[in-house]
Amino acid sequence: MPQSALSILRIAVPILILGALALTLDVDETAKALSASDPLLIGAAILAVEVQIVVSALRWRFTSARLGQPIGLSRAVGEYYLASLLNQVLPGGVAGDAVRSIRSAHGARAEDTGGGAGLRVSVQSVMLERLSGQIALFFAAGIGLLAAPLGLGISLPSESIRLVGIVALVAVLVGLGGWLSARFAKGRVKTFLETFGPAIRQAFWRRRAFLVQAISSLTVVFAYLGAFAACAAAIGQPIGLAATLALVPLVLLSMLVPVSIAGWGLREAAAAALLPFAGMNAESAVAASVLYGLVSLAGALPGLFVVLPWPSLTSATISTPKE
């Protein structure tokens, strides 16, 4: 698909979905729930977003250091805030990560990465860091889907259970195909695997890297879930631990589909479809999802400090009127 058409699609899809929800649901009830939100719980949700961003930055810093491109702590956190903010306002959800890769390569010391290798290592570290988080989210969503009948008494259709089995089988086949390609493939596939394979081993396997990736990524996922649960409670519709663990990961998983801006529209549709299983009506589910989107944007606003020139009190010149 041409890039221009894809950009239009990423803007049109959320507008169409939100428009369909507005025609289907009681918009006044959704707006009323949002206007009555508890500010203390909104603050708690924003705090969970901050935890998610900072821990993600630490995960990126760890991954980049494993690939031989160390990043300072303050720089990693600042760049991650900027990337998170850009991902919130630009179509596709990855523009911020592209900027993070370029800025990280530009700021890397030449003696650490070796000139032209800087951008390649930077892109690899960003891709693997995002992959770590997405694996954890898929894992949480799969566990939630299987646990929903136990925790919520939901009788899921056999198609859903079959879908989990198919995904697991595909994952095994992809892993087997990757291993076979690494041994026998020719040309570009083999070159790609030979280039990316060592980075994967360094970032995910060697010297107990798996433990760091797993702990940090699961912490980020729990921060996601905590933020959404706080948003639901803020509108007066707490969903409980079982629903948070079983249903919210599935709602958030919809945001990974790259045809929107920060998951808007897709997330609200998923919430309206899934959260009624937890006893919440569709209008409240959409309100919780909208509040979550606003909270995510607010939590990423410190990224503005990375790019905007803020005056320094120590360097400002204070003039006094002449007598």
C-alpha atoms as a PDB file:
ATOM      1  CA  MET A   1       0.000   0.000   0.000  1.00  0.00           C
ATOM      2  CA  PRO A   2       1.363   3.487  -0.853  1.00  0.00           C
ATOM      3  CA  GLN A   3       2.568   5.412   2.183  1.00  0.00           C
ATOM      4  CA  SER A   4       0.162   8.284   1.501  1.00  0.00           C
ATOM      5  CA  ALA A   5      -2.815   5.905   1.397  1.00  0.00           C
ATOM      6  CA  LEU A   6      -1.661   4.227   4.598  1.00  0.00           C
ATOM      7  CA  SER A   7      -1.383   7.588   6.346  1.00  0.00           C
ATOM      8  CA  ILE A   8      -4.917   8.490   5.284  1.00  0.00           C
ATOM      9  CA  LEU A   9      -6.137   5.104   6.483  1.00  0.00           C
ATOM     10  CA  ARG A  10      -4.545   5.595   9.907  1.00  0.00           C
ATOM     11  CA  ILE A  11      -6.503   8.819  10.305  1.00  0.00           C
ATOM     12  CA  ALA A  12      -9.748   7.671   8.711  1.00  0.00           C
ATOM     13  CA  VAL A  13     -10.098   4.364  10.570  1.00  0.00           C
ATOM     14  CA  PRO A  14     -10.254   5.800  14.107  1.00  0.00           C
ATOM     15  CA  ILE A  15     -12.603   8.578  12.965  1.00  0.00           C
ATOM     16  CA  LEU A  16     -14.941   6.052  11.358  1.00  0.00           C
ATOM     17  CA  ILE A  17     -14.863   3.722  14.361  1.00  0.00           C
ATOM     18  CA  LEU A  18     -15.446   6.513  16.869  1.00  0.00           C
ATOM     19  CA  GLY A  19     -18.250   7.840  14.645  1.00  0.00           C
ATOM     20  CA  ALA A  20     -19.889   4.416  14.554  1.00  0.00           C
ATOM     21  CA  LEU A  21     -19.641   4.160  18.340  1.00  0.00           C
ATOM     22  CA  ALA A  22     -21.163   7.628  18.699  1.00  0.00           C
ATOM     23  CA  LEU A  23     -24.115   6.601  16.543  1.00  0.00           C
ATOM     24  CA  THR A  24     -24.571   3.317  18.392  1.00  0.00           C
ATOM     25  CA  LEU A  25     -24.058   4.337  22.022  1.00  0.00           C
ATOM     26  CA  ASP A  26     -25.414   7.035  24.306  1.00  0.00           C
ATOM     27  CA  VAL A  27     -22.799   9.770  23.927  1.00  0.00           C
ATOM     28  CA  ASP A  28     -24.326  11.853  26.723  1.00  0.00           C
ATOM     29  CA  GLU A  29     -23.858   9.015  29.197  1.00  0.00           C
ATOM     30  CA  THR A  30     -20.228   8.597  28.121  1.00  0.00           C
ATOM     31  CA  ALA A  31     -19.597  12.331  28.457  1.00  0.00           C
ATOM     32  CA  LYS A  32     -21.299  12.395  31.861  1.00  0.00           C
ATOM     33  CA  ALA A  33     -19.052   9.582  33.110  1.00  0.00           C
ATOM     34  CA  LEU A  34     -15.968  11.442  31.902  1.00  0.00           C
ATOM     35  CA  SER A  35     -16.990  14.751  33.442  1.00  0.00           C
ATOM     36  CA  ALA A  36     -17.543  13.091  36.832  1.00  0.00           C
ATOM     37  CA  SER A  37     -14.120  11.393  36.886  1.00  0.00           C
ATOM     38  CA  ASP A  38     -12.291  11.266  40.212  1.00  0.00           C
ATOM     39  CA  PRO A  39      -9.163  13.482  39.923  1.00  0.00           C
ATOM     40  CA  LEU A  40      -7.265  11.455  42.532  1.00  0.00           C
ATOM     41  CA  LEU A  41      -7.728   8.252  40.562  1.00  0.00           C
ATOM     42  CA  ILE A  42      -6.778  10.090  37.370  1.00  0.00           C
ATOM     43  CA  GLY A  43      -3.578  11.107  39.136  1.00  0.00           C
ATOM     44  CA  ALA A  44      -2.971   7.484  40.080  1.00  0.00           C
ATOM     45  CA  ALA A  45      -3.435   6.473  36.443  1.00  0.00           C
ATOM     46  CA  ILE A  46      -0.945   9.125  35.294  1.00  0.00           C
ATOM     47  CA  LEU A  47       1.524   7.858  37.895  1.00  0.00           C
ATOM     48  CA  ALA A  48       1.156   4.349  36.438  1.00  0.00           C
ATOM     49  CA  VAL A  49       1.940   5.796  32.990  1.00  0.00           C
ATOM     50  CA  GLU A  50       5.101   7.368  34.395  1.00  0.00           C
ATOM     51  CA  VAL A  51       6.153   3.988  35.802  1.00  0.00           C
ATOM     52  CA  GLN A  52       5.513   2.398  32.419  1.00  0.00           C
ATOM     53  CA  ILE A  53       7.632   4.968  30.557  1.00  0.00           C
ATOM     54  CA  VAL A  54      10.538   4.987  33.009  1.00  0.00           C
ATOM     55  CA  VAL A  55      10.749   1.179  33.258  1.00  0.00           C
ATOM     56  CA  SER A  56      10.529   0.947  29.456  1.00  0.00           C
ATOM     57  CA  ALA A  57      13.421   3.419  29.228  1.00  0.00           C
ATOM     58  CA  LEU A  58      15.454   1.262  31.610  1.00  0.00           C
ATOM     59  CA  ARG A  59      14.649  -1.782  29.474  1.00  0.00           C
ATOM     60  CA  TRP A  60      15.838   0.073  26.370  1.00  0.00           C
ATOM     61  CA  ARG A  61      18.998   1.196  28.162  1.00  0.00           C
ATOM     62  CA  PHE A  62      19.732  -2.400  29.178  1.00  0.00           C
ATOM     63  CA  THR A  63      19.080  -3.685  25.649  1.00  0.00           C
ATOM     64  CA  SER A  64      21.226  -0.998  24.035  1.00  0.00           C
ATOM     65  CA  ALA A  65      24.103  -1.629  26.455  1.00  0.00           C
ATOM     66  CA  ARG A  66      23.968  -5.334  25.639  1.00  0.00           C
ATOM     67  CA  LEU A  67      24.436  -4.432  21.970  1.00  0.00           C
ATOM     68  CA  GLY A  68      27.476  -2.287  22.739  1.00  0.00           C
ATOM     69  CA  GLN A  69      25.825   1.128  22.641  1.00  0.00           C
ATOM     70  CA  PRO A  70      25.566   2.434  26.225  1.00  0.00           C
ATOM     71  CA  ILE A  71      23.090   5.222  26.955  1.00  0.00           C
ATOM     72  CA  GLY A  72      23.111   7.499  29.975  1.00  0.00           C
ATOM     73  CA  LEU A  73      20.192   7.130  32.376  1.00  0.00           C
ATOM     74  CA  SER A  74      18.833  10.654  32.019  1.00  0.00           C
ATOM     75  CA  ARG A  75      19.200  10.536  28.235  1.00  0.00           C
ATOM     76  CA  ALA A  76      17.406   7.189  27.995  1.00  0.00           C
ATOM     77  CA  VAL A  77      14.492   8.417  30.093  1.00  0.00           C
ATOM     78  CA  GLY A  78      14.270  11.719  28.218  1.00  0.00           C
ATOM     79  CA  GLU A  79      14.379  10.092  24.789  1.00  0.00           C
ATOM     80  CA  TYR A  80      11.748   7.569  25.821  1.00  0.00           C
ATOM     81  CA  TYR A  81       9.423  10.330  27.001  1.00  0.00           C
ATOM     82  CA  LEU A  82       9.855  12.093  23.667  1.00  0.00           C
ATOM     83  CA  ALA A  83       9.241   8.882  21.707  1.00  0.00           C
ATOM     84  CA  SER A  84       6.150   8.111  23.794  1.00  0.00           C
ATOM     85  CA  LEU A  85       4.752  11.588  23.159  1.00  0.00           C
ATOM     86  CA  LEU A  86       5.337  11.341  19.411  1.00  0.00           C
ATOM     87  CA  ASN A  87       3.736   7.896  19.328  1.00  0.00           C
ATOM     88  CA  GLN A  88       0.680   9.427  21.002  1.00  0.00           C
ATOM     89  CA  VAL A  89       0.157  12.147  18.410  1.00  0.00           C
ATOM     90  CA  LEU A  90       1.501  10.724  15.129  1.00  0.00           C
ATOM     91  CA  PRO A  91      -0.125   7.988  13.002  1.00  0.00           C
ATOM     92  CA  GLY A  92       1.152   4.430  13.125  1.00  0.00           C
ATOM     93  CA  GLY A  93       2.444   4.308  16.684  1.00  0.00           C
ATOM     94  CA  VAL A  94       6.109   3.895  15.710  1.00  0.00           C
ATOM     95  CA  ALA A  95       7.175   7.359  14.548  1.00  0.00           C
ATOM     96  CA  GLY A  96       8.492   8.136  18.004  1.00  0.00           C
ATOM     97  CA  ASP A  97      10.577   4.977  17.995  1.00  0.00           C
ATOM     98  CA  ALA A  98      12.086   5.931  14.633  1.00  0.00           C
ATOM     99  CA  VAL A  99      13.042   9.326  16.066  1.00  0.00           C
ATOM    100  CA  ARG A 100      14.433   7.606  19.152  1.00  0.00           C
ATOM    101  CA  SER A 101      16.632   5.393  16.970  1.00  0.00           C
ATOM    102  CA  ILE A 102      18.032   8.328  15.004  1.00  0.00           C
ATOM    103  CA  ARG A 103      18.618  10.534  18.037  1.00  0.00           C
ATOM    104  CA  SER A 104      20.219   7.666  19.928  1.00  0.00           C
ATOM    105  CA  ALA A 105      22.597   6.942  17.050  1.00  0.00           C
ATOM    106  CA  HIS A 106      23.432  10.627  16.737  1.00  0.00           C
ATOM    107  CA  GLY A 107      24.207  10.889  20.428  1.00  0.00           C
ATOM    108  CA  ALA A 108      26.198   7.665  20.679  1.00  0.00           C
ATOM    109  CA  ARG A 109      29.939   8.016  21.147  1.00  0.00           C
ATOM    110  CA  ALA A 110      31.900   7.033  18.039  1.00  0.00           C
ATOM    111  CA  GLU A 111      34.355   4.956  20.036  1.00  0.00           C
ATOM    112  CA  ASP A 112      31.542   2.782  21.360  1.00  0.00           C
ATOM    113  CA  THR A 113      29.749   1.989  18.105  1.00  0.00           C
ATOM    114  CA  GLY A 114      32.151   2.721  15.300  1.00  0.00           C
ATOM    115  CA  GLY A 115      30.774   5.351  12.973  1.00  0.00           C
ATOM    116  CA  GLY A 116      28.379   3.758  10.482  1.00  0.00           C
ATOM    117  CA  ALA A 117      27.408   0.935  12.823  1.00  0.00           C
ATOM    118  CA  GLY A 118      25.781   3.427  15.204  1.00  0.00           C
ATOM    119  CA  LEU A 119      22.426   3.687  13.448  1.00  0.00           C
ATOM    120  CA  ARG A 120      22.217  -0.076  12.846  1.00  0.00           C
ATOM    121  CA  VAL A 121      22.827  -0.860  16.522  1.00  0.00           C
ATOM    122  CA  SER A 122      20.421   1.873  17.589  1.00  0.00           C
ATOM    123  CA  VAL A 123      17.640   0.533  15.363  1.00  0.00           C
ATOM    124  CA  GLN A 124      18.248  -2.999  16.621  1.00  0.00           C
ATOM    125  CA  SER A 125      18.084  -1.923  20.260  1.00  0.00           C
ATOM    126  CA  VAL A 126      14.807  -0.055  19.730  1.00  0.00           C
ATOM    127  CA  MET A 127      13.255  -2.925  17.774  1.00  0.00           C
ATOM    128  CA  LEU A 128      14.264  -5.529  20.343  1.00  0.00           C
ATOM    129  CA  GLU A 129      13.120  -3.362  23.235  1.00  0.00           C
ATOM    130  CA  ARG A 130       9.690  -2.955  21.649  1.00  0.00           C
ATOM    131  CA  LEU A 131       9.592  -6.659  20.831  1.00  0.00           C
ATOM    132  CA  SER A 132      10.231  -7.502  24.473  1.00  0.00           C
ATOM    133  CA  GLY A 133       7.242  -5.431  25.532  1.00  0.00           C
ATOM    134  CA  GLN A 134       4.955  -6.825  22.862  1.00  0.00           C
ATOM    135  CA  ILE A 135       5.842 -10.402  23.752  1.00  0.00           C
ATOM    136  CA  ALA A 136       4.899  -9.686  27.371  1.00  0.00           C
ATOM    137  CA  LEU A 137       1.597  -8.089  26.309  1.00  0.00           C
ATOM    138  CA  PHE A 138       0.748 -11.027  24.025  1.00  0.00           C
ATOM    139  CA  PHE A 139       1.606 -13.394  26.881  1.00  0.00           C
ATOM    140  CA  ALA A 140      -0.649 -11.489  29.289  1.00  0.00           C
ATOM    141  CA  ALA A 141      -3.476 -11.390  26.725  1.00  0.00           C
ATOM    142  CA  GLY A 142      -3.208 -15.123  26.061  1.00  0.00           C
ATOM    143  CA  ILE A 143      -3.220 -15.963  29.767  1.00  0.00           C
ATOM    144  CA  GLY A 144      -6.155 -13.607  30.256  1.00  0.00           C
ATOM    145  CA  LEU A 145      -8.127 -15.200  27.445  1.00  0.00           C
ATOM    146  CA  LEU A 146      -7.605 -18.670  28.879  1.00  0.00           C
ATOM    147  CA  ALA A 147      -8.260 -17.546  32.467  1.00  0.00           C
ATOM    148  CA  ALA A 148     -11.418 -15.567  31.712  1.00  0.00           C
ATOM    149  CA  PRO A 149     -13.776 -18.533  32.194  1.00  0.00           C
ATOM    150  CA  LEU A 150     -12.217 -19.198  35.619  1.00  0.00           C
ATOM    151  CA  GLY A 151     -11.939 -15.639  36.892  1.00  0.00           C
ATOM    152  CA  LEU A 152     -15.146 -14.184  35.447  1.00  0.00           C
ATOM    153  CA  GLY A 153     -17.309 -17.162  34.728  1.00  0.00           C
ATOM    154  CA  ILE A 154     -17.307 -16.221  31.063  1.00  0.00           C
ATOM    155  CA  SER A 155     -18.068 -19.007  28.653  1.00  0.00           C
ATOM    156  CA  LEU A 156     -15.798 -18.207  25.758  1.00  0.00           C
ATOM    157  CA  PRO A 157     -16.618 -19.654  22.352  1.00  0.00           C
ATOM    158  CA  SER A 158     -14.535 -22.568  21.185  1.00  0.00           C
ATOM    159  CA  GLU A 159     -13.247 -20.369  18.365  1.00  0.00           C
ATOM    160  CA  SER A 160     -11.398 -18.190  20.902  1.00  0.00           C
ATOM    161  CA  ILE A 161      -9.678 -21.168  22.480  1.00  0.00           C
ATOM    162  CA  ARG A 162      -8.832 -22.481  19.051  1.00  0.00           C
ATOM    163  CA  LEU A 163      -7.366 -19.082  18.167  1.00  0.00           C
ATOM    164  CA  VAL A 164      -4.958 -19.265  21.124  1.00  0.00           C
ATOM    165  CA  GLY A 165      -3.860 -22.725  19.988  1.00  0.00           C
ATOM    166  CA  ILE A 166      -3.331 -21.478  16.447  1.00  0.00           C
ATOM    167  CA  VAL A 167      -1.248 -18.529  17.658  1.00  0.00           C
ATOM    168  CA  ALA A 168       0.889 -20.838  19.793  1.00  0.00           C
ATOM    169  CA  LEU A 169       1.366 -23.194  16.846  1.00  0.00           C
ATOM    170  CA  VAL A 170       2.299 -20.311  14.560  1.00  0.00           C
ATOM    171  CA  ALA A 171       4.847 -19.106  17.116  1.00  0.00           C
ATOM    172  CA  VAL A 172       6.446 -22.543  17.224  1.00  0.00           C
ATOM    173  CA  LEU A 173       6.494 -22.775  13.431  1.00  0.00           C
ATOM    174  CA  VAL A 174       8.010 -19.289  13.108  1.00  0.00           C
ATOM    175  CA  GLY A 175      10.732 -20.216  15.562  1.00  0.00           C
ATOM    176  CA  LEU A 176      11.414 -23.482  13.721  1.00  0.00           C
ATOM    177  CA  GLY A 177      11.395 -21.683  10.382  1.00  0.00           C
ATOM    178  CA  GLY A 178      13.846 -19.103  11.684  1.00  0.00           C
ATOM    179  CA  TRP A 179      16.210 -21.813  12.894  1.00  0.00           C
ATOM    180  CA  LEU A 180      16.030 -23.693   9.580  1.00  0.00           C
ATOM    181  CA  SER A 181      16.507 -20.464   7.622  1.00  0.00           C
ATOM    182  CA  ALA A 182      19.565 -19.593   9.669  1.00  0.00           C
ATOM    183  CA  ARG A 183      21.126 -22.933   8.756  1.00  0.00           C
ATOM    184  CA  PHE A 184      20.060 -23.408   5.173  1.00  0.00           C
ATOM    185  CA  ALA A 185      18.665 -20.163   3.713  1.00  0.00           C
ATOM    186  CA  LYS A 186      20.608 -18.297   1.098  1.00  0.00           C
ATOM    187  CA  GLY A 187      20.896 -14.647   0.204  1.00  0.00           C
ATOM    188  CA  ARG A 188      19.165 -11.885   2.095  1.00  0.00           C
ATOM    189  CA  VAL A 189      17.302 -14.078   4.604  1.00  0.00           C
ATOM    190  CA  LYS A 190      20.475 -15.730   5.775  1.00  0.00           C
ATOM    191  CA  THR A 191      22.297 -12.401   5.898  1.00  0.00           C
ATOM    192  CA  PHE A 192      19.507 -10.858   7.953  1.00  0.00           C
ATOM    193  CA  LEU A 193      19.462 -13.749  10.411  1.00  0.00           C
ATOM    194  CA  GLU A 194      23.220 -13.769  10.721  1.00  0.00           C
ATOM    195  CA  THR A 195      23.176 -10.024  11.409  1.00  0.00           C
ATOM    196  CA  PHE A 196      20.206  -9.903  13.759  1.00  0.00           C
ATOM    197  CA  GLY A 197      20.723 -13.270  15.456  1.00  0.00           C
ATOM    198  CA  PRO A 198      23.698 -12.201  17.599  1.00  0.00           C
ATOM    199  CA  ALA A 199      21.786  -9.091  18.710  1.00  0.00           C
ATOM    200  CA  ILE A 200      18.841 -11.234  19.795  1.00  0.00           C
ATOM    201  CA  ARG A 201      21.114 -13.554  21.759  1.00  0.00           C
ATOM    202  CA  GLN A 202      22.860 -10.633  23.457  1.00  0.00           C
ATOM    203  CA  ALA A 203      19.643  -8.815  24.336  1.00  0.00           C
ATOM    204  CA  PHE A 204      17.476 -11.764  25.332  1.00  0.00           C
ATOM    205  CA  TRP A 205      19.583 -14.708  26.331  1.00  0.00           C
ATOM    206  CA  ARG A 206      23.214 -14.299  27.334  1.00  0.00           C
ATOM    207  CA  ARG A 207      24.162 -13.563  30.949  1.00  0.00           C
ATOM    208  CA  ARG A 208      20.591 -13.996  32.190  1.00  0.00           C
ATOM    209  CA  ALA A 209      19.289 -11.213  29.993  1.00  0.00           C
ATOM    210  CA  PHE A 210      15.975 -13.069  29.778  1.00  0.00           C
ATOM    211  CA  LEU A 211      15.287 -12.390  33.454  1.00  0.00           C
ATOM    212  CA  VAL A 212      15.830  -8.649  33.063  1.00  0.00           C
ATOM    213  CA  GLN A 213      13.690  -8.507  29.929  1.00  0.00           C
ATOM    214  CA  ALA A 214      10.904 -10.580  31.501  1.00  0.00           C
ATOM    215  CA  ILE A 215      10.795  -8.651  34.781  1.00  0.00           C
ATOM    216  CA  SER A 216      10.916  -5.224  33.146  1.00  0.00           C
ATOM    217  CA  SER A 217       8.381  -6.094  30.435  1.00  0.00           C
ATOM    218  CA  LEU A 218       5.912  -7.633  32.874  1.00  0.00           C
ATOM    219  CA  THR A 219       6.293  -4.566  35.099  1.00  0.00           C
ATOM    220  CA  VAL A 220       5.404  -2.387  32.113  1.00  0.00           C
ATOM    221  CA  VAL A 221       2.372  -4.559  31.316  1.00  0.00           C
ATOM    222  CA  PHE A 222       1.150  -4.358  34.916  1.00  0.00           C
ATOM    223  CA  ALA A 223       1.580  -0.570  34.716  1.00  0.00           C
ATOM    224  CA  TYR A 224      -0.621  -0.599  31.588  1.00  0.00           C
ATOM    225  CA  LEU A 225      -3.255  -2.634  33.388  1.00  0.00           C
ATOM    226  CA  GLY A 226      -3.051  -0.499  36.520  1.00  0.00           C
ATOM    227  CA  ALA A 227      -3.527   2.697  34.533  1.00  0.00           C
ATOM    228  CA  PHE A 228      -6.600   1.320  32.750  1.00  0.00           C
ATOM    229  CA  ALA A 229      -8.075  -0.067  35.985  1.00  0.00           C
ATOM    230  CA  ALA A 230      -7.566   3.338  37.641  1.00  0.00           C
ATOM    231  CA  CYS A 231      -9.339   5.020  34.722  1.00  0.00           C
ATOM    232  CA  ALA A 232     -12.279   2.633  35.050  1.00  0.00           C
ATOM    233  CA  ALA A 233     -12.458   3.312  38.783  1.00  0.00           C
ATOM    234  CA  ALA A 234     -12.173   7.061  38.143  1.00  0.00           C
ATOM    235  CA  ILE A 235     -15.460   7.060  36.208  1.00  0.00           C
ATOM    236  CA  GLY A 236     -17.133   5.071  38.978  1.00  0.00           C
ATOM    237  CA  GLN A 237     -16.946   1.677  37.274  1.00  0.00           C
ATOM    238  CA  PRO A 238     -14.231  -0.398  39.002  1.00  0.00           C
ATOM    239  CA  ILE A 239     -13.751  -3.646  37.142  1.00  0.00           C
ATOM    240  CA  GLY A 240     -11.913  -5.738  39.711  1.00  0.00           C
ATOM    241  CA  LEU A 241      -8.706  -7.721  39.579  1.00  0.00           C
ATOM    242  CA  ALA A 242     -10.066 -10.658  37.570  1.00  0.00           C
ATOM    243  CA  ALA A 243     -11.411  -8.469  34.761  1.00  0.00           C
ATOM    244  CA  THR A 244      -8.263  -6.342  34.757  1.00  0.00           C
ATOM    245  CA  LEU A 245      -6.075  -9.403  34.242  1.00  0.00           C
ATOM    246  CA  ALA A 246      -8.407 -11.238  31.863  1.00  0.00           C
ATOM    247  CA  LEU A 247      -9.951  -8.535  29.671  1.00  0.00           C
ATOM    248  CA  VAL A 248      -7.839  -5.370  29.747  1.00  0.00           C
ATOM    249  CA  PRO A 249      -4.824  -7.015  28.016  1.00  0.00           C
ATOM    250  CA  LEU A 250      -7.134  -7.931  25.136  1.00  0.00           C
ATOM    251  CA  VAL A 251      -8.372  -4.338  24.949  1.00  0.00           C
ATOM    252  CA  LEU A 252      -4.838  -2.956  24.900  1.00  0.00           C
ATOM    253  CA  LEU A 253      -3.732  -5.526  22.341  1.00  0.00           C
ATOM    254  CA  SER A 254      -6.003  -3.835  19.802  1.00  0.00           C
ATOM    255  CA  MET A 255      -3.716  -0.785  19.941  1.00  0.00           C
ATOM    256  CA  LEU A 256      -0.943  -2.719  18.201  1.00  0.00           C
ATOM    257  CA  VAL A 257      -2.893  -2.753  14.925  1.00  0.00           C
ATOM    258  CA  PRO A 258      -1.083  -0.010  12.937  1.00  0.00           C
ATOM    259  CA  VAL A 259      -4.140   1.688  11.423  1.00  0.00           C
ATOM    260  CA  SER A 260      -4.804   4.422  13.937  1.00  0.00           C
ATOM    261  CA  ILE A 261      -3.184   7.109  16.062  1.00  0.00           C
ATOM    262  CA  ALA A 262      -2.152   5.698  19.461  1.00  0.00           C
ATOM    263  CA  GLY A 263      -4.870   3.057  19.222  1.00  0.00           C
ATOM    264  CA  TRP A 264      -7.755   5.543  19.223  1.00  0.00           C
ATOM    265  CA  GLY A 265     -10.951   4.010  17.923  1.00  0.00           C
ATOM    266  CA  LEU A 266      -9.661   0.463  17.949  1.00  0.00           C
ATOM    267  CA  ARG A 267      -9.190   0.542  21.724  1.00  0.00           C
ATOM    268  CA  GLU A 268     -12.654   2.025  22.321  1.00  0.00           C
ATOM    269  CA  ALA A 269     -14.304  -0.563  20.089  1.00  0.00           C
ATOM    270  CA  ALA A 270     -12.490  -3.384  21.868  1.00  0.00           C
ATOM    271  CA  ALA A 271     -13.464  -1.952  25.264  1.00  0.00           C
ATOM    272  CA  ALA A 272     -17.124  -1.678  24.251  1.00  0.00           C
ATOM    273  CA  ALA A 273     -17.067  -5.292  23.078  1.00  0.00           C
ATOM    274  CA  LEU A 274     -15.148  -6.871  25.965  1.00  0.00           C
ATOM    275  CA  LEU A 275     -15.684  -4.931  29.182  1.00  0.00           C
ATOM    276  CA  PRO A 276     -19.438  -5.629  29.376  1.00  0.00           C
ATOM    277  CA  PHE A 277     -18.329  -9.159  30.316  1.00  0.00           C
ATOM    278  CA  ALA A 278     -17.106  -7.549  33.547  1.00  0.00           C
ATOM    279  CA  GLY A 279     -20.494  -5.952  34.215  1.00  0.00           C
ATOM    280  CA  MET A 280     -19.728  -2.546  32.684  1.00  0.00           C
ATOM    281  CA  ASN A 281     -22.067  -1.108  30.090  1.00  0.00           C
ATOM    282  CA  ALA A 282     -20.648  -0.162  26.698  1.00  0.00           C
ATOM    283  CA  GLU A 283     -20.915   3.590  27.341  1.00  0.00           C
ATOM    284  CA  SER A 284     -18.846   3.325  30.529  1.00  0.00           C
ATOM    285  CA  ALA A 285     -16.365   1.039  28.788  1.00  0.00           C
ATOM    286  CA  VAL A 286     -15.810   3.641  26.064  1.00  0.00           C
ATOM    287  CA  ALA A 287     -15.495   6.375  28.701  1.00  0.00           C
ATOM    288  CA  ALA A 288     -12.805   4.377  30.537  1.00  0.00           C
ATOM    289  CA  SER A 289     -10.952   3.801  27.272  1.00  0.00           C
ATOM    290  CA  VAL A 290     -11.132   7.492  26.275  1.00  0.00           C
ATOM    291  CA  LEU A 291      -9.868   8.506  29.714  1.00  0.00           C
ATOM    292  CA  TYR A 292      -7.033   5.998  29.379  1.00  0.00           C
ATOM    293  CA  GLY A 293      -6.040   7.580  26.062  1.00  0.00           C
ATOM    294  CA  LEU A 294      -6.058  11.069  27.587  1.00  0.00           C
ATOM    295  CA  VAL A 295      -4.094   9.869  30.614  1.00  0.00           C
ATOM    296  CA  SER A 296      -1.501   8.219  28.355  1.00  0.00           C
ATOM    297  CA  LEU A 297      -1.067  11.488  26.478  1.00  0.00           C
ATOM    298  CA  ALA A 298      -0.796  13.492  29.699  1.00  0.00           C
ATOM    299  CA  GLY A 299       1.750  11.060  31.105  1.00  0.00           C
ATOM    300  CA  ALA A 300       3.971  11.506  28.040  1.00  0.00           C
ATOM    301  CA  LEU A 301       3.890  15.313  28.076  1.00  0.00           C
ATOM    302  CA  PRO A 302       7.268  15.576  29.868  1.00  0.00           C
ATOM    303  CA  GLY A 303       8.678  14.621  26.455  1.00  0.00           C
ATOM    304  CA  LEU A 304       8.177  18.290  25.542  1.00  0.00           C
ATOM    305  CA  PHE A 305      11.064  19.187  27.833  1.00  0.00           C
ATOM    306  CA  VAL A 306      13.388  17.190  25.577  1.00  0.00           C
ATOM    307  CA  VAL A 307      12.804  19.327  22.495  1.00  0.00           C
ATOM    308  CA  LEU A 308      11.526  22.694  23.679  1.00  0.00           C
ATOM    309  CA  PRO A 309      13.961  25.378  24.847  1.00  0.00           C
ATOM    310  CA  TRP A 310      13.131  26.143  28.442  1.00  0.00           C
ATOM    311  CA  PRO A 311      14.701  29.239  30.003  1.00  0.00           C
ATOM    312  CA  SER A 312      17.214  28.723  32.754  1.00  0.00           C
ATOM    313  CA  LEU A 313      16.883  30.914  35.828  1.00  0.00           C
ATOM    314  CA  THR A 314      20.624  30.771  36.414  1.00  0.00           C
ATOM    315  CA  SER A 315      21.456  32.056  32.950  1.00  0.00           C
ATOM    316  CA  ALA A 316      18.642  34.565  32.564  1.00  0.00           C
ATOM    317  CA  THR A 317      19.612  38.208  32.477  1.00  0.00           C
ATOM    318  CA  ILE A 318      17.561  40.307  34.845  1.00  0.00           C
ATOM    319  CA  SER A 319      17.506  43.942  33.876  1.00  0.00           C
ATOM    320  CA  THR A 320      16.604  46.744  36.241  1.00  0.00           C
ATOM    321  CA  PRO A 321      15.194  50.047  35.154  1.00  0.00           C
ATOM    322  CA  LYS A 322      17.644  52.916  35.058  1.00  0.00           C
ATOM    323  CA  GLU A 323      17.046  55.803  37.357  1.00  0.00           C
END
